[in-house]
Amino acid sequence: TAEVFYKQLLSLCPKGYRLISVQYPAYSTHENWVKAFDKFIDGVRISKFHLFGTALGGYLGQCYIHYRPNRVLSLILCNSFCDTQYYVDTQPFAGAFSWTPDFLLKRLLFHNCPTNQTETEITNSIDFVVEQLETVSTEDLTSRLTLNCTIGTVVATSLSLDPSKITIIDCIDDMVLPDRVKDEVCKLFPNGRQALLKTGGNFPYLSRPDEFNLHIEVHLRNCQYEIVNRNDIVTTAGETREIF
């Protein structure tokens, strides 16, 4: 849910950054999601913005940049991927998601999640995400698993975004996402900035918020994000600049 980024909101908003955490409804294809997200951006009257995405959200963000290359100022990816082939190969029964009970859908999401974590922060981050998952409808769960397991275009090779405007934040400890999938992201964005956290698990924005938020700030400074006033919308050259 959008609430999983609450530690970024609590830390960065008081400093003058304007963040919007987005929770989207059910969509059956990547193309439908991209078009709907574009309408949402129009609806909140934002011209350009910085985009942060984790896991599936990171891939969908890449799809959106491919669709609207002039609207995204920069990109931050966390524990994400550049194509869905790995999930297509490991979930051969994706077509059955629509009539699968929600408790099985939730089990699919966490079946590879490490259960032997000893660090309190990492354990708490998993518990919080599990609690949030209980609030998500079966329709939304089905949609996200379907998007995750539907073959999609590798748009990373065709993005017009300046590589200096891309930051990849990853953890090197035990995670659900295989190393070969994470390594592929770095190969496709060889000139992007890479920020590695020694630990943090699958949800470092929850388990390591101070370190994670620092990387976000460094990224935005490198992208010339200007903070005008803590209570004002940040604007540059008359264009509204947001962080998602």
Protein backbone atom coordinates (compact mmCIF):
# COMPACT_ATOMS: atom_id res chain seq x y z
CA THR A 1 0.00 0.00 0.00
CA ALA A 2 0.99 3.67 -0.16
CA GLU A 3 1.60 3.59 3.60
CA VAL A 4 4.78 1.52 3.29
CA PHE A 5 6.65 4.73 2.42
CA TYR A 6 5.54 6.58 5.54
CA LYS A 7 9.11 6.84 6.85
CA GLN A 8 10.11 8.75 3.72
CA LEU A 9 7.15 11.08 4.10
CA LEU A 10 7.86 11.74 7.78
CA SER A 11 11.54 12.42 7.15
CA LEU A 12 11.66 14.28 3.84
CA CYS A 13 8.45 16.33 3.84
CA PRO A 14 9.46 18.49 6.85
CA LYS A 15 12.68 19.33 4.96
CA GLY A 16 10.72 20.86 2.11
CA TYR A 17 10.33 17.97 -0.30
CA ARG A 18 6.85 17.30 -1.63
CA LEU A 19 6.20 13.57 -1.78
CA ILE A 20 3.14 11.75 -3.05
CA SER A 21 2.88 8.03 -2.31
CA VAL A 22 0.60 6.40 -4.85
CA GLN A 23 -1.55 3.30 -4.38
CA TYR A 24 -3.13 2.26 -7.63
CA PRO A 25 -6.26 0.17 -8.33
CA ALA A 26 -6.44 -3.03 -10.36
CA TYR A 27 -5.22 -3.07 -13.98
CA SER A 28 -4.79 -6.08 -16.21
CA THR A 29 -1.96 -4.88 -18.47
CA HIS A 30 1.13 -2.71 -18.21
CA GLU A 31 -0.25 -0.49 -20.96
CA ASN A 32 -3.49 0.17 -19.07
CA TRP A 33 -1.54 1.01 -15.91
CA VAL A 34 0.70 3.46 -17.75
CA LYS A 35 -2.23 5.29 -19.33
CA ALA A 36 -4.10 5.45 -16.03
CA PHE A 37 -1.04 6.76 -14.18
CA ASP A 38 -0.63 9.45 -16.83
CA LYS A 39 -4.23 10.54 -16.28
CA PHE A 40 -3.57 10.64 -12.53
CA ILE A 41 -0.60 12.95 -13.10
CA ASP A 42 -2.83 15.17 -15.21
CA GLY A 43 -5.48 15.10 -12.51
CA VAL A 44 -3.14 16.38 -9.80
CA ARG A 45 -1.81 19.02 -12.23
CA ILE A 46 1.84 18.02 -12.21
CA SER A 47 3.97 18.74 -15.24
CA LYS A 48 7.23 16.99 -14.32
CA PHE A 49 8.37 14.92 -11.39
CA HIS A 50 11.01 12.61 -9.92
CA LEU A 51 9.95 8.96 -9.81
CA PHE A 52 10.82 6.34 -7.19
CA GLY A 53 9.72 2.74 -7.61
CA THR A 54 10.44 -0.51 -5.81
CA ALA A 55 9.96 -4.07 -7.12
CA LEU A 56 7.02 -4.06 -9.59
CA GLY A 57 6.64 -0.32 -9.12
CA GLY A 58 10.15 0.17 -10.46
CA TYR A 59 9.38 -1.75 -13.62
CA LEU A 60 6.09 0.10 -14.13
CA GLY A 61 7.99 3.35 -13.63
CA GLN A 62 10.33 2.40 -16.47
CA CYS A 63 7.31 1.66 -18.65
CA TYR A 64 5.91 5.07 -17.84
CA ILE A 65 9.17 6.86 -18.73
CA HIS A 66 9.14 5.02 -22.05
CA TYR A 67 5.56 6.26 -22.58
CA ARG A 68 6.14 9.85 -21.37
CA PRO A 69 9.91 10.47 -21.58
CA ASN A 70 9.67 14.23 -21.14
CA ARG A 71 7.65 14.12 -17.96
CA VAL A 72 10.02 12.28 -15.60
CA LEU A 73 13.03 14.23 -14.35
CA SER A 74 14.83 11.36 -12.65
CA LEU A 75 14.40 7.77 -11.51
CA ILE A 76 15.20 5.90 -8.29
CA LEU A 77 14.91 2.10 -8.33
CA CYS A 78 14.99 -0.14 -5.27
CA ASN A 79 15.16 -3.95 -5.40
CA SER A 80 13.54 -3.77 -8.80
CA PHE A 81 13.87 -5.39 -12.23
CA CYS A 82 13.90 -4.45 -15.91
CA ASP A 83 11.75 -7.25 -17.28
CA THR A 84 9.25 -9.75 -15.93
CA GLN A 85 10.69 -12.90 -17.53
CA TYR A 86 11.94 -14.32 -14.22
CA TYR A 87 8.42 -14.18 -12.73
CA VAL A 88 6.85 -15.55 -15.90
CA ASP A 89 9.17 -18.55 -15.70
CA THR A 90 8.60 -19.19 -11.99
CA GLN A 91 4.81 -18.74 -12.04
CA PRO A 92 3.51 -20.93 -14.88
CA PHE A 93 -0.05 -20.81 -13.51
CA ALA A 94 -0.39 -17.03 -13.61
CA GLY A 95 -3.59 -17.37 -15.62
CA ALA A 96 -5.27 -18.87 -12.56
CA PHE A 97 -4.73 -15.82 -10.33
CA SER A 98 -8.22 -14.48 -11.05
CA TRP A 99 -9.94 -17.39 -9.31
CA THR A 100 -7.31 -18.15 -6.65
CA PRO A 101 -8.37 -17.50 -3.00
CA ASP A 102 -6.79 -14.42 -1.50
CA PHE A 103 -4.96 -16.33 1.24
CA LEU A 104 -3.11 -18.28 -1.47
CA LEU A 105 -2.32 -15.09 -3.35
CA LYS A 106 -0.78 -13.62 -0.21
CA ARG A 107 1.21 -16.81 0.34
CA LEU A 108 2.59 -16.49 -3.20
CA LEU A 109 3.84 -12.99 -2.44
CA PHE A 110 5.78 -14.08 0.62
CA HIS A 111 6.65 -17.72 -0.03
CA ASN A 112 10.34 -16.90 -0.69
CA CYS A 113 10.65 -14.22 1.97
CA PRO A 114 13.40 -15.11 4.52
CA THR A 115 11.93 -16.25 7.83
CA ASN A 116 15.16 -16.49 9.83
CA GLN A 117 15.79 -12.78 10.26
CA THR A 118 17.35 -11.86 13.59
CA GLU A 119 17.48 -8.09 13.18
CA THR A 120 14.51 -6.37 14.79
CA GLU A 121 14.27 -3.64 12.15
CA ILE A 122 14.11 -6.12 9.27
CA THR A 123 11.61 -8.32 11.08
CA ASN A 124 9.45 -5.29 11.86
CA SER A 125 9.55 -4.19 8.23
CA ILE A 126 8.24 -7.58 7.10
CA ASP A 127 5.54 -7.56 9.77
CA PHE A 128 4.41 -4.09 8.72
CA VAL A 129 4.16 -5.05 5.05
CA VAL A 130 2.21 -8.20 5.98
CA GLU A 131 -0.21 -6.07 7.99
CA GLN A 132 -0.66 -3.72 5.04
CA LEU A 133 -1.21 -6.68 2.74
CA GLU A 134 -4.25 -7.66 4.82
CA THR A 135 -5.91 -4.39 3.78
CA VAL A 136 -5.47 -5.01 0.03
CA SER A 137 -8.47 -6.42 -1.84
CA THR A 138 -8.36 -9.71 -3.71
CA GLU A 139 -8.89 -7.83 -6.96
CA ASP A 140 -5.84 -5.65 -6.34
CA LEU A 141 -3.71 -8.63 -5.31
CA THR A 142 -4.71 -10.47 -8.47
CA SER A 143 -3.88 -7.43 -10.57
CA ARG A 144 -0.41 -6.94 -9.09
CA LEU A 145 0.52 -10.60 -9.41
CA THR A 146 -0.77 -10.58 -12.99
CA LEU A 147 1.27 -7.49 -13.88
CA ASN A 148 4.29 -9.07 -12.22
CA CYS A 149 3.92 -12.31 -14.18
CA THR A 150 2.94 -10.90 -17.59
CA ILE A 151 5.66 -10.71 -20.23
CA GLY A 152 6.57 -7.09 -20.72
CA THR A 153 8.90 -5.14 -22.99
CA VAL A 154 12.44 -4.45 -21.79
CA VAL A 155 12.07 -0.68 -22.00
CA ALA A 156 15.30 0.08 -20.11
CA THR A 157 17.35 -0.14 -23.31
CA SER A 158 15.29 2.59 -24.97
CA LEU A 159 14.81 5.11 -22.18
CA SER A 160 15.92 8.62 -23.10
CA LEU A 161 16.55 9.56 -19.45
CA ASP A 162 20.07 10.84 -18.76
CA PRO A 163 21.97 8.05 -16.91
CA SER A 164 23.17 10.60 -14.35
CA LYS A 165 19.51 11.01 -13.34
CA ILE A 166 19.17 7.33 -12.36
CA THR A 167 20.00 5.87 -8.93
CA ILE A 168 19.75 2.18 -8.09
CA ILE A 169 19.42 1.35 -4.37
CA ASP A 170 19.93 -2.31 -3.53
CA CYS A 171 20.70 -4.50 -0.52
CA ILE A 172 23.31 -7.24 -0.59
CA ASP A 173 21.82 -9.44 2.13
CA ASP A 174 19.23 -12.24 1.88
CA MET A 175 16.35 -11.19 -0.38
CA VAL A 176 13.51 -12.58 -2.47
CA LEU A 177 14.84 -10.99 -5.67
CA PRO A 178 17.66 -13.14 -7.14
CA ASP A 179 21.07 -11.55 -7.64
CA ARG A 180 20.99 -12.24 -11.38
CA VAL A 181 17.81 -10.19 -11.72
CA LYS A 182 19.30 -7.27 -9.78
CA ASP A 183 22.54 -7.52 -11.74
CA GLU A 184 20.59 -7.21 -14.98
CA VAL A 185 19.30 -3.80 -13.84
CA CYS A 186 22.87 -2.58 -13.33
CA LYS A 187 23.89 -3.92 -16.74
CA LEU A 188 21.05 -2.08 -18.46
CA PHE A 189 21.85 1.14 -16.57
CA PRO A 190 25.68 0.94 -16.51
CA ASN A 191 26.15 4.68 -16.00
CA GLY A 192 23.51 5.06 -13.32
CA ARG A 193 24.53 5.71 -9.72
CA GLN A 194 24.48 2.58 -7.56
CA ALA A 195 23.92 2.77 -3.80
CA LEU A 196 24.43 -0.50 -1.92
CA LEU A 197 23.17 -1.18 1.59
CA LYS A 198 24.90 -4.00 3.45
CA THR A 199 21.65 -5.03 5.10
CA GLY A 200 18.00 -4.06 4.87
CA GLY A 201 16.18 -7.03 3.46
CA ASN A 202 13.34 -6.69 0.99
CA PHE A 203 12.05 -3.39 2.40
CA PRO A 204 15.08 -1.19 3.20
CA TYR A 205 12.97 1.97 3.05
CA LEU A 206 11.31 0.61 6.22
CA SER A 207 14.21 -1.19 7.90
CA ARG A 208 16.98 1.33 7.08
CA PRO A 209 15.09 4.62 6.65
CA ASP A 210 17.89 7.00 7.67
CA GLU A 211 20.42 5.55 5.24
CA PHE A 212 17.80 5.09 2.54
CA ASN A 213 16.47 8.65 2.83
CA LEU A 214 20.02 10.01 2.67
CA HIS A 215 20.50 8.31 -0.70
CA ILE A 216 17.25 9.87 -1.90
CA GLU A 217 18.43 13.33 -0.85
CA VAL A 218 21.81 12.88 -2.52
CA HIS A 219 20.06 11.80 -5.70
CA LEU A 220 17.78 14.83 -5.69
CA ARG A 221 20.65 17.22 -5.03
CA ASN A 222 22.52 15.76 -7.98
CA CYS A 223 19.38 16.39 -10.03
CA GLN A 224 19.29 20.07 -8.91
CA TYR A 225 16.09 19.69 -6.93
CA GLU A 226 15.48 23.09 -5.35
CA ILE A 227 13.73 23.47 -2.02
CA VAL A 228 12.02 26.85 -1.96
CA ASN A 229 10.00 26.72 1.23
CA ARG A 230 8.94 23.93 3.57
CA ASN A 231 5.28 24.71 3.08
CA ASP A 232 5.37 25.46 -0.64
CA ILE A 233 5.22 23.30 -3.73
CA VAL A 234 8.71 23.12 -5.17
CA THR A 235 8.87 24.78 -8.57
CA THR A 236 11.61 25.42 -11.08
CA ALA A 237 11.13 27.56 -14.17
CA GLY A 238 7.40 27.59 -13.54
CA GLU A 239 7.06 23.81 -13.59
CA THR A 240 5.79 21.82 -10.64
CA ARG A 241 8.34 19.25 -9.48
CA GLU A 242 7.13 16.35 -7.39
CA ILE A 243 8.64 13.17 -6.00
CA PHE A 244 6.66 9.93 -6.26
